[in-house]
C-alpha atoms as a PDB file:
ATOM      1  CA  MET A   1      18.068   2.921  14.799  1.00  0.00           C
ATOM      2  CA  PRO A   2      18.611   6.721  14.828  1.00  0.00           C
ATOM      3  CA  THR A   3      15.736   9.029  15.670  1.00  0.00           C
ATOM      4  CA  PRO A   4      13.933   9.879  12.420  1.00  0.00           C
ATOM      5  CA  THR A   5      13.121  13.357  11.251  1.00  0.00           C
ATOM      6  CA  LEU A   6       9.498  14.405  10.814  1.00  0.00           C
ATOM      7  CA  ALA A   7      10.049  14.509   7.055  1.00  0.00           C
ATOM      8  CA  GLU A   8      11.322  10.925   7.096  1.00  0.00           C
ATOM      9  CA  LEU A   9       8.272   9.767   9.029  1.00  0.00           C
ATOM     10  CA  ALA A  10       5.922  11.645   6.708  1.00  0.00           C
ATOM     11  CA  LYS A  11       7.435   9.870   3.716  1.00  0.00           C
ATOM     12  CA  MET A  12       6.388   6.559   5.241  1.00  0.00           C
ATOM     13  CA  PHE A  13       2.710   7.417   4.737  1.00  0.00           C
ATOM     14  CA  ASP A  14       0.302   6.508   1.996  1.00  0.00           C
ATOM     15  CA  HIS A  15      -2.610   8.673   3.110  1.00  0.00           C
ATOM     16  CA  SER A  16      -5.653   6.459   2.570  1.00  0.00           C
ATOM     17  CA  LEU A  17      -8.657   7.951   0.776  1.00  0.00           C
ATOM     18  CA  LEU A  18     -10.550   4.755   0.002  1.00  0.00           C
ATOM     19  CA  GLN A  19     -13.533   4.716   2.345  1.00  0.00           C
ATOM     20  CA  PRO A  20     -16.777   4.247   0.382  1.00  0.00           C
ATOM     21  CA  HIS A  21     -18.487   7.223   2.027  1.00  0.00           C
ATOM     22  CA  LEU A  22     -15.882   9.784   0.943  1.00  0.00           C
ATOM     23  CA  THR A  23     -17.263  12.448  -1.395  1.00  0.00           C
ATOM     24  CA  ASP A  24     -15.346  14.348  -4.043  1.00  0.00           C
ATOM     25  CA  ALA A  25     -15.005  17.218  -1.567  1.00  0.00           C
ATOM     26  CA  ASP A  26     -13.561  14.837   1.021  1.00  0.00           C
ATOM     27  CA  LEU A  27     -11.054  13.559  -1.506  1.00  0.00           C
ATOM     28  CA  GLU A  28      -9.961  17.097  -2.326  1.00  0.00           C
ATOM     29  CA  LYS A  29      -9.463  17.829   1.380  1.00  0.00           C
ATOM     30  CA  GLY A  30      -7.464  14.637   1.735  1.00  0.00           C
ATOM     31  CA  CYS A  31      -5.163  15.623  -1.108  1.00  0.00           C
ATOM     32  CA  ALA A  32      -4.653  19.032   0.465  1.00  0.00           C
ATOM     33  CA  LEU A  33      -3.733  17.410   3.776  1.00  0.00           C
ATOM     34  CA  ALA A  34      -1.303  15.079   2.020  1.00  0.00           C
ATOM     35  CA  ALA A  35       0.395  18.024   0.326  1.00  0.00           C
ATOM     36  CA  GLU A  36       0.554  19.975   3.579  1.00  0.00           C
ATOM     37  CA  TYR A  37       2.178  17.107   5.480  1.00  0.00           C
ATOM     38  CA  GLN A  38       4.360  16.022   2.542  1.00  0.00           C
ATOM     39  CA  VAL A  39       3.520  12.346   2.802  1.00  0.00           C
ATOM     40  CA  ALA A  40       4.741   9.796   0.266  1.00  0.00           C
ATOM     41  CA  SER A  41       1.434   9.393  -1.531  1.00  0.00           C
ATOM     42  CA  VAL A  42      -2.312   9.451  -1.403  1.00  0.00           C
ATOM     43  CA  CYS A  43      -3.980   6.115  -2.068  1.00  0.00           C
ATOM     44  CA  ILE A  44      -7.204   7.238  -3.642  1.00  0.00           C
ATOM     45  CA  LYS A  45     -10.253   5.605  -5.230  1.00  0.00           C
ATOM     46  CA  PRO A  46      -9.549   4.714  -8.866  1.00  0.00           C
ATOM     47  CA  TYR A  47     -12.109   7.109 -10.334  1.00  0.00           C
ATOM     48  CA  ALA A  48     -10.428  10.019  -8.540  1.00  0.00           C
ATOM     49  CA  VAL A  49      -6.897   9.422  -9.803  1.00  0.00           C
ATOM     50  CA  PRO A  50      -7.165  12.221 -12.421  1.00  0.00           C
ATOM     51  CA  LEU A  51      -8.359  14.624  -9.710  1.00  0.00           C
ATOM     52  CA  ALA A  52      -5.502  13.683  -7.385  1.00  0.00           C
ATOM     53  CA  ALA A  53      -2.947  13.932 -10.183  1.00  0.00           C
ATOM     54  CA  LYS A  54      -4.151  17.450 -10.924  1.00  0.00           C
ATOM     55  CA  LEU A  55      -4.266  18.579  -7.294  1.00  0.00           C
ATOM     56  CA  LEU A  56      -0.898  17.082  -6.357  1.00  0.00           C
ATOM     57  CA  ALA A  57       1.090  18.074  -9.445  1.00  0.00           C
ATOM     58  CA  GLY A  58       4.335  19.712  -8.343  1.00  0.00           C
ATOM     59  CA  THR A  59       3.821  18.969  -4.627  1.00  0.00           C
ATOM     60  CA  GLY A  60       6.148  15.988  -4.379  1.00  0.00           C
ATOM     61  CA  VAL A  61       3.267  13.775  -3.205  1.00  0.00           C
ATOM     62  CA  LEU A  62       2.671  10.745  -5.399  1.00  0.00           C
ATOM     63  CA  VAL A  63      -0.649   9.346  -6.563  1.00  0.00           C
ATOM     64  CA  SER A  64      -1.466   5.722  -5.835  1.00  0.00           C
ATOM     65  CA  THR A  65      -4.634   3.697  -6.240  1.00  0.00           C
ATOM     66  CA  THR A  66      -6.030   0.203  -5.787  1.00  0.00           C
ATOM     67  CA  ILE A  67      -6.253  -2.710  -8.220  1.00  0.00           C
ATOM     68  CA  GLY A  68      -8.620  -5.652  -7.769  1.00  0.00           C
ATOM     69  CA  PHE A  69      -9.760  -4.080  -4.517  1.00  0.00           C
ATOM     70  CA  PRO A  70     -10.755  -5.283  -1.979  1.00  0.00           C
ATOM     71  CA  HIS A  71     -10.999  -9.055  -2.525  1.00  0.00           C
ATOM     72  CA  GLY A  72      -8.689  -9.698  -5.485  1.00  0.00           C
ATOM     73  CA  GLY A  73     -11.207 -11.819  -7.359  1.00  0.00           C
ATOM     74  CA  HIS A  74     -11.193  -9.843 -10.593  1.00  0.00           C
ATOM     75  CA  LEU A  75     -10.095 -11.527 -13.794  1.00  0.00           C
ATOM     76  CA  THR A  76      -6.395 -10.977 -14.382  1.00  0.00           C
ATOM     77  CA  LYS A  77      -7.122  -9.203 -17.652  1.00  0.00           C
ATOM     78  CA  VAL A  78      -9.403  -6.818 -15.744  1.00  0.00           C
ATOM     79  CA  LYS A  79      -6.632  -6.099 -13.237  1.00  0.00           C
ATOM     80  CA  VAL A  80      -4.256  -5.441 -16.126  1.00  0.00           C
ATOM     81  CA  PHE A  81      -6.735  -3.079 -17.785  1.00  0.00           C
ATOM     82  CA  GLU A  82      -7.394  -1.354 -14.458  1.00  0.00           C
ATOM     83  CA  SER A  83      -3.654  -0.954 -13.902  1.00  0.00           C
ATOM     84  CA  ALA A  84      -3.019   0.557 -17.330  1.00  0.00           C
ATOM     85  CA  ALA A  85      -5.990   2.896 -16.993  1.00  0.00           C
ATOM     86  CA  ALA A  86      -4.866   4.081 -13.559  1.00  0.00           C
ATOM     87  CA  ILE A  87      -1.358   4.799 -14.796  1.00  0.00           C
ATOM     88  CA  ASP A  88      -2.704   6.606 -17.837  1.00  0.00           C
ATOM     89  CA  ASP A  89      -4.782   8.732 -15.448  1.00  0.00           C
ATOM     90  CA  GLY A  90      -1.712   9.687 -13.395  1.00  0.00           C
ATOM     91  CA  ALA A  91      -1.117   6.975 -10.796  1.00  0.00           C
ATOM     92  CA  VAL A  92       2.517   6.022 -10.255  1.00  0.00           C
ATOM     93  CA  GLU A  93       1.978   3.414  -7.534  1.00  0.00           C
ATOM     94  CA  LEU A  94      -0.601   0.605  -7.501  1.00  0.00           C
ATOM     95  CA  ASP A  95      -1.825  -1.406  -4.515  1.00  0.00           C
ATOM     96  CA  MET A  96      -3.110  -4.698  -5.958  1.00  0.00           C
ATOM     97  CA  VAL A  97      -4.906  -7.462  -4.078  1.00  0.00           C
ATOM     98  CA  VAL A  98      -3.892 -11.049  -4.759  1.00  0.00           C
ATOM     99  CA  ASN A  99      -6.620 -13.511  -5.695  1.00  0.00           C
ATOM    100  CA  ILE A 100      -7.335 -14.574  -2.123  1.00  0.00           C
ATOM    101  CA  GLY A 101      -9.481 -17.540  -3.130  1.00  0.00           C
ATOM    102  CA  LYS A 102      -6.686 -18.891  -5.320  1.00  0.00           C
ATOM    103  CA  VAL A 103      -4.189 -18.434  -2.476  1.00  0.00           C
ATOM    104  CA  LEU A 104      -6.407 -20.409  -0.104  1.00  0.00           C
ATOM    105  CA  SER A 105      -6.896 -23.039  -2.814  1.00  0.00           C
ATOM    106  CA  GLY A 106      -3.140 -23.437  -3.170  1.00  0.00           C
ATOM    107  CA  ASP A 107      -3.232 -22.606  -6.876  1.00  0.00           C
ATOM    108  CA  TRP A 108       0.131 -20.926  -6.784  1.00  0.00           C
ATOM    109  CA  ALA A 109       0.629 -20.903 -10.556  1.00  0.00           C
ATOM    110  CA  ALA A 110      -2.536 -18.845 -10.965  1.00  0.00           C
ATOM    111  CA  VAL A 111      -1.543 -16.516  -8.130  1.00  0.00           C
ATOM    112  CA  ALA A 112       1.906 -15.965  -9.623  1.00  0.00           C
ATOM    113  CA  ALA A 113       0.512 -15.341 -13.097  1.00  0.00           C
ATOM    114  CA  ASP A 114      -1.967 -12.790 -11.717  1.00  0.00           C
ATOM    115  CA  VAL A 115       0.671 -10.898  -9.741  1.00  0.00           C
ATOM    116  CA  THR A 116       3.199 -11.016 -12.568  1.00  0.00           C
ATOM    117  CA  ALA A 117       0.729  -9.666 -15.122  1.00  0.00           C
ATOM    118  CA  VAL A 118       0.060  -6.568 -13.024  1.00  0.00           C
ATOM    119  CA  LEU A 119       3.733  -6.081 -12.206  1.00  0.00           C
ATOM    120  CA  ASP A 120       4.741  -6.345 -15.852  1.00  0.00           C
ATOM    121  CA  THR A 121       2.039  -3.864 -16.866  1.00  0.00           C
ATOM    122  CA  ALA A 122       3.050  -1.370 -14.198  1.00  0.00           C
ATOM    123  CA  HIS A 123       6.792  -1.670 -14.600  1.00  0.00           C
ATOM    124  CA  ALA A 124       6.543  -1.233 -18.365  1.00  0.00           C
ATOM    125  CA  ARG A 125       4.964   2.144 -17.599  1.00  0.00           C
ATOM    126  CA  ARG A 126       7.460   3.004 -14.821  1.00  0.00           C
ATOM    127  CA  ALA A 127       4.922   2.568 -12.033  1.00  0.00           C
ATOM    128  CA  LYS A 128       5.484   0.590  -8.828  1.00  0.00           C
ATOM    129  CA  VAL A 129       3.309  -2.081  -7.228  1.00  0.00           C
ATOM    130  CA  LYS A 130       2.446  -3.052  -3.667  1.00  0.00           C
ATOM    131  CA  VAL A 131       0.997  -6.566  -3.494  1.00  0.00           C
ATOM    132  CA  ILE A 132      -1.685  -6.943  -0.806  1.00  0.00           C
ATOM    133  CA  PHE A 133      -1.937 -10.347   0.906  1.00  0.00           C
ATOM    134  CA  GLU A 134      -4.903  -9.841   3.330  1.00  0.00           C
ATOM    135  CA  ASN A 135      -3.088 -11.683   6.107  1.00  0.00           C
ATOM    136  CA  ALA A 136      -6.124 -11.927   8.382  1.00  0.00           C
ATOM    137  CA  LEU A 137      -7.474 -14.632   6.056  1.00  0.00           C
ATOM    138  CA  LEU A 138      -4.211 -16.550   5.587  1.00  0.00           C
ATOM    139  CA  LYS A 139      -1.940 -18.971   7.400  1.00  0.00           C
ATOM    140  CA  ASP A 140       1.781 -18.356   7.774  1.00  0.00           C
ATOM    141  CA  ASP A 141       2.599 -20.851   5.023  1.00  0.00           C
ATOM    142  CA  HIS A 142       0.427 -18.859   2.613  1.00  0.00           C
ATOM    143  CA  LYS A 143       2.223 -15.648   3.559  1.00  0.00           C
ATOM    144  CA  LYS A 144       5.662 -17.222   3.097  1.00  0.00           C
ATOM    145  CA  GLU A 145       4.761 -18.545  -0.354  1.00  0.00           C
ATOM    146  CA  LEU A 146       3.365 -15.155  -1.358  1.00  0.00           C
ATOM    147  CA  CYS A 147       6.605 -13.491  -0.267  1.00  0.00           C
ATOM    148  CA  LYS A 148       8.518 -15.883  -2.522  1.00  0.00           C
ATOM    149  CA  ILE A 149       6.185 -15.305  -5.472  1.00  0.00           C
ATOM    150  CA  CYS A 150       6.385 -11.545  -5.075  1.00  0.00           C
ATOM    151  CA  GLY A 151      10.146 -11.637  -4.737  1.00  0.00           C
ATOM    152  CA  ASP A 152      10.548 -13.748  -7.848  1.00  0.00           C
ATOM    153  CA  ALA A 153       8.152 -11.531  -9.801  1.00  0.00           C
ATOM    154  CA  GLY A 154       9.896  -8.306  -8.769  1.00  0.00           C
ATOM    155  CA  ALA A 155       7.237  -6.682  -6.585  1.00  0.00           C
ATOM    156  CA  ASP A 156       8.179  -3.327  -5.127  1.00  0.00           C
ATOM    157  CA  TRP A 157       6.365  -3.921  -1.828  1.00  0.00           C
ATOM    158  CA  VAL A 158       4.467  -6.661  -0.078  1.00  0.00           C
ATOM    159  CA  LYS A 159       1.569  -5.326   1.964  1.00  0.00           C
ATOM    160  CA  THR A 160      -0.292  -6.848   4.884  1.00  0.00           C
ATOM    161  CA  SER A 161      -3.903  -5.890   4.365  1.00  0.00           C
ATOM    162  CA  THR A 162      -6.595  -3.921   2.589  1.00  0.00           C
ATOM    163  CA  GLY A 163      -7.764  -2.401   5.860  1.00  0.00           C
ATOM    164  CA  TYR A 164     -11.198  -3.943   5.348  1.00  0.00           C
ATOM    165  CA  ALA A 165     -10.688  -7.406   6.860  1.00  0.00           C
ATOM    166  CA  GLU A 166     -11.269  -8.285  10.514  1.00  0.00           C
ATOM    167  CA  SER A 167      -7.708  -7.294  11.383  1.00  0.00           C
ATOM    168  CA  GLY A 168      -4.779  -5.566   9.771  1.00  0.00           C
ATOM    169  CA  ALA A 169      -1.046  -5.382  10.259  1.00  0.00           C
ATOM    170  CA  THR A 170       0.560  -7.220  13.156  1.00  0.00           C
ATOM    171  CA  ILE A 171       4.177  -7.116  14.259  1.00  0.00           C
ATOM    172  CA  ASP A 172       4.487 -10.883  13.848  1.00  0.00           C
ATOM    173  CA  ASP A 173       3.227 -10.716  10.262  1.00  0.00           C
ATOM    174  CA  LEU A 174       5.514  -7.821   9.433  1.00  0.00           C
ATOM    175  CA  LYS A 175       8.525  -9.691  10.816  1.00  0.00           C
ATOM    176  CA  LEU A 176       7.548 -12.745   8.757  1.00  0.00           C
ATOM    177  CA  MET A 177       7.157 -10.684   5.574  1.00  0.00           C
ATOM    178  CA  ARG A 178      10.488  -8.944   6.099  1.00  0.00           C
ATOM    179  CA  THR A 179      12.228 -12.256   6.821  1.00  0.00           C
ATOM    180  CA  PHE A 180      10.818 -14.154   3.846  1.00  0.00           C
ATOM    181  CA  SER A 181      10.986 -11.358   1.274  1.00  0.00           C
ATOM    182  CA  PRO A 182      14.238 -10.630  -0.570  1.00  0.00           C
ATOM    183  CA  PRO A 183      15.973  -7.333   0.250  1.00  0.00           C
ATOM    184  CA  HIS A 184      14.732  -5.606  -2.919  1.00  0.00           C
ATOM    185  CA  VAL A 185      11.101  -6.013  -1.814  1.00  0.00           C
ATOM    186  CA  GLN A 186       9.910  -3.462   0.736  1.00  0.00           C
ATOM    187  CA  VAL A 187       7.167  -4.054   3.322  1.00  0.00           C
ATOM    188  CA  LYS A 188       4.024  -1.972   3.816  1.00  0.00           C
ATOM    189  CA  ALA A 189       1.781  -2.134   6.884  1.00  0.00           C
ATOM    190  CA  ALA A 190      -1.907  -1.355   6.514  1.00  0.00           C
ATOM    191  CA  GLY A 191      -4.844  -1.627   8.851  1.00  0.00           C
ATOM    192  CA  GLY A 192      -4.224  -0.719  12.483  1.00  0.00           C
ATOM    193  CA  VAL A 193      -1.465   1.894  12.243  1.00  0.00           C
ATOM    194  CA  ARG A 194      -3.288   4.599  14.168  1.00  0.00           C
ATOM    195  CA  SER A 195      -0.714   5.964  16.609  1.00  0.00           C
ATOM    196  CA  PHE A 196       2.839   7.276  16.789  1.00  0.00           C
ATOM    197  CA  ASP A 197       3.888   4.334  18.959  1.00  0.00           C
ATOM    198  CA  THR A 198       2.573   1.825  16.412  1.00  0.00           C
ATOM    199  CA  LEU A 199       4.297   3.712  13.597  1.00  0.00           C
ATOM    200  CA  MET A 200       7.615   3.518  15.407  1.00  0.00           C
ATOM    201  CA  ALA A 201       7.093  -0.172  16.203  1.00  0.00           C
ATOM    202  CA  VAL A 202       6.474  -1.134  12.580  1.00  0.00           C
ATOM    203  CA  ARG A 203       9.377   1.027  11.446  1.00  0.00           C
ATOM    204  CA  GLU A 204      11.619  -0.845  13.853  1.00  0.00           C
ATOM    205  CA  VAL A 205      10.894  -4.167  12.120  1.00  0.00           C
ATOM    206  CA  GLY A 206      11.688  -2.822   8.661  1.00  0.00           C
ATOM    207  CA  VAL A 207       8.448  -1.314   7.352  1.00  0.00           C
ATOM    208  CA  THR A 208       9.013   1.520   4.876  1.00  0.00           C
ATOM    209  CA  ARG A 209       5.382   2.455   4.131  1.00  0.00           C
ATOM    210  CA  VAL A 210       2.143   2.499   6.082  1.00  0.00           C
ATOM    211  CA  GLY A 211      -1.396   2.950   4.868  1.00  0.00           C
ATOM    212  CA  ALA A 212      -3.318   5.159   7.256  1.00  0.00           C
ATOM    213  CA  THR A 213      -6.342   7.376   7.612  1.00  0.00           C
ATOM    214  CA  ALA A 214      -5.056   8.915  10.869  1.00  0.00           C
ATOM    215  CA  THR A 215      -2.125  10.555   9.110  1.00  0.00           C
ATOM    216  CA  LYS A 216      -2.625  14.031  10.577  1.00  0.00           C
ATOM    217  CA  ALA A 217      -3.056  12.830  14.151  1.00  0.00           C
ATOM    218  CA  ILE A 218      -0.023  10.531  13.992  1.00  0.00           C
ATOM    219  CA  LEU A 219       2.294  13.124  12.472  1.00  0.00           C
ATOM    220  CA  ASP A 220       1.075  15.863  14.811  1.00  0.00           C
ATOM    221  CA  ASP A 221       1.842  13.554  17.720  1.00  0.00           C
ATOM    222  CA  ALA A 222       5.220  12.691  16.205  1.00  0.00           C
ATOM    223  CA  LYS A 223       6.101  16.366  16.012  1.00  0.00           C
ATOM    224  CA  ALA A 224       5.207  16.878  19.672  1.00  0.00           C
ATOM    225  CA  ARG A 225       6.809  13.673  20.938  1.00  0.00           C
ATOM    226  CA  LEU A 226      10.072  14.136  19.058  1.00  0.00           C
ATOM    227  CA  GLY A 227      10.256  17.837  19.889  1.00  0.00           C
ATOM    228  CA  LEU A 228      10.357  18.782  16.218  1.00  0.00           C
END
C-alpha cells in the first residue's frame, strides 16, 4: 500500500464530539479543530447538529451524529424520527446502533427491520449510515450475521463500536468485518484508535474511517512521522 498523504489520512477521521461532559463551547472548539485539520466529519451530539452545520458550512467537513446511541434499544420508529430530524438539522452521515439485545437474542428479522428502516430514511434524504455493532458484547457469529444484514440492506459502513463499551476496535474484528461485508460496504473503526501506528494498522486491513477523540495528536504525529 503506497504511503498516504496527510490529507488522505485526515479524511479517514470522524472527529468524535460525543462525550457527555462536553459543553457548547467545547463543541465549537471541536468543530474549529475539524475544519483546521480538514477531517472527513465531526460526529457530534444530536442536539448540536444545527450548530455544527452552521460552523462547518463551506469548510468541506461533513456533519454526522448518532442514532439510538449508545445501546440501540430505542423503538425503531424513534430511530427513524431521530434520523429524519438529524438530517433536517444538517447531518449528512448517521452512526446508528443496532438493537444489541435483539442481536444477542438472535431475532435477526427484528434487527434487519430496524437497520433497514434507518437506512431507507437516510438514503431517501441522501444521507449515509454507519451501522454500529458494539463488538465487545458479541460473538463472531453475531458479527458475521450483522455484516450480511447490513450488506443486504445497503449500509454505507459497518462500524465496530460506540466507544463506550469495555473495548473498541480490534484488528481481528476489523478483518472479520472486511471479509464478511460486501465490497460496497466500508468499515469504520471506533474505540481505541489513539495513535498513528494504530491508524496505519487499521488502514492496512481496509478501514476507511475511524472515530477518534485524539484526532489532533494523531495527525500531528502523522505529519512528523511521514515528513509532511
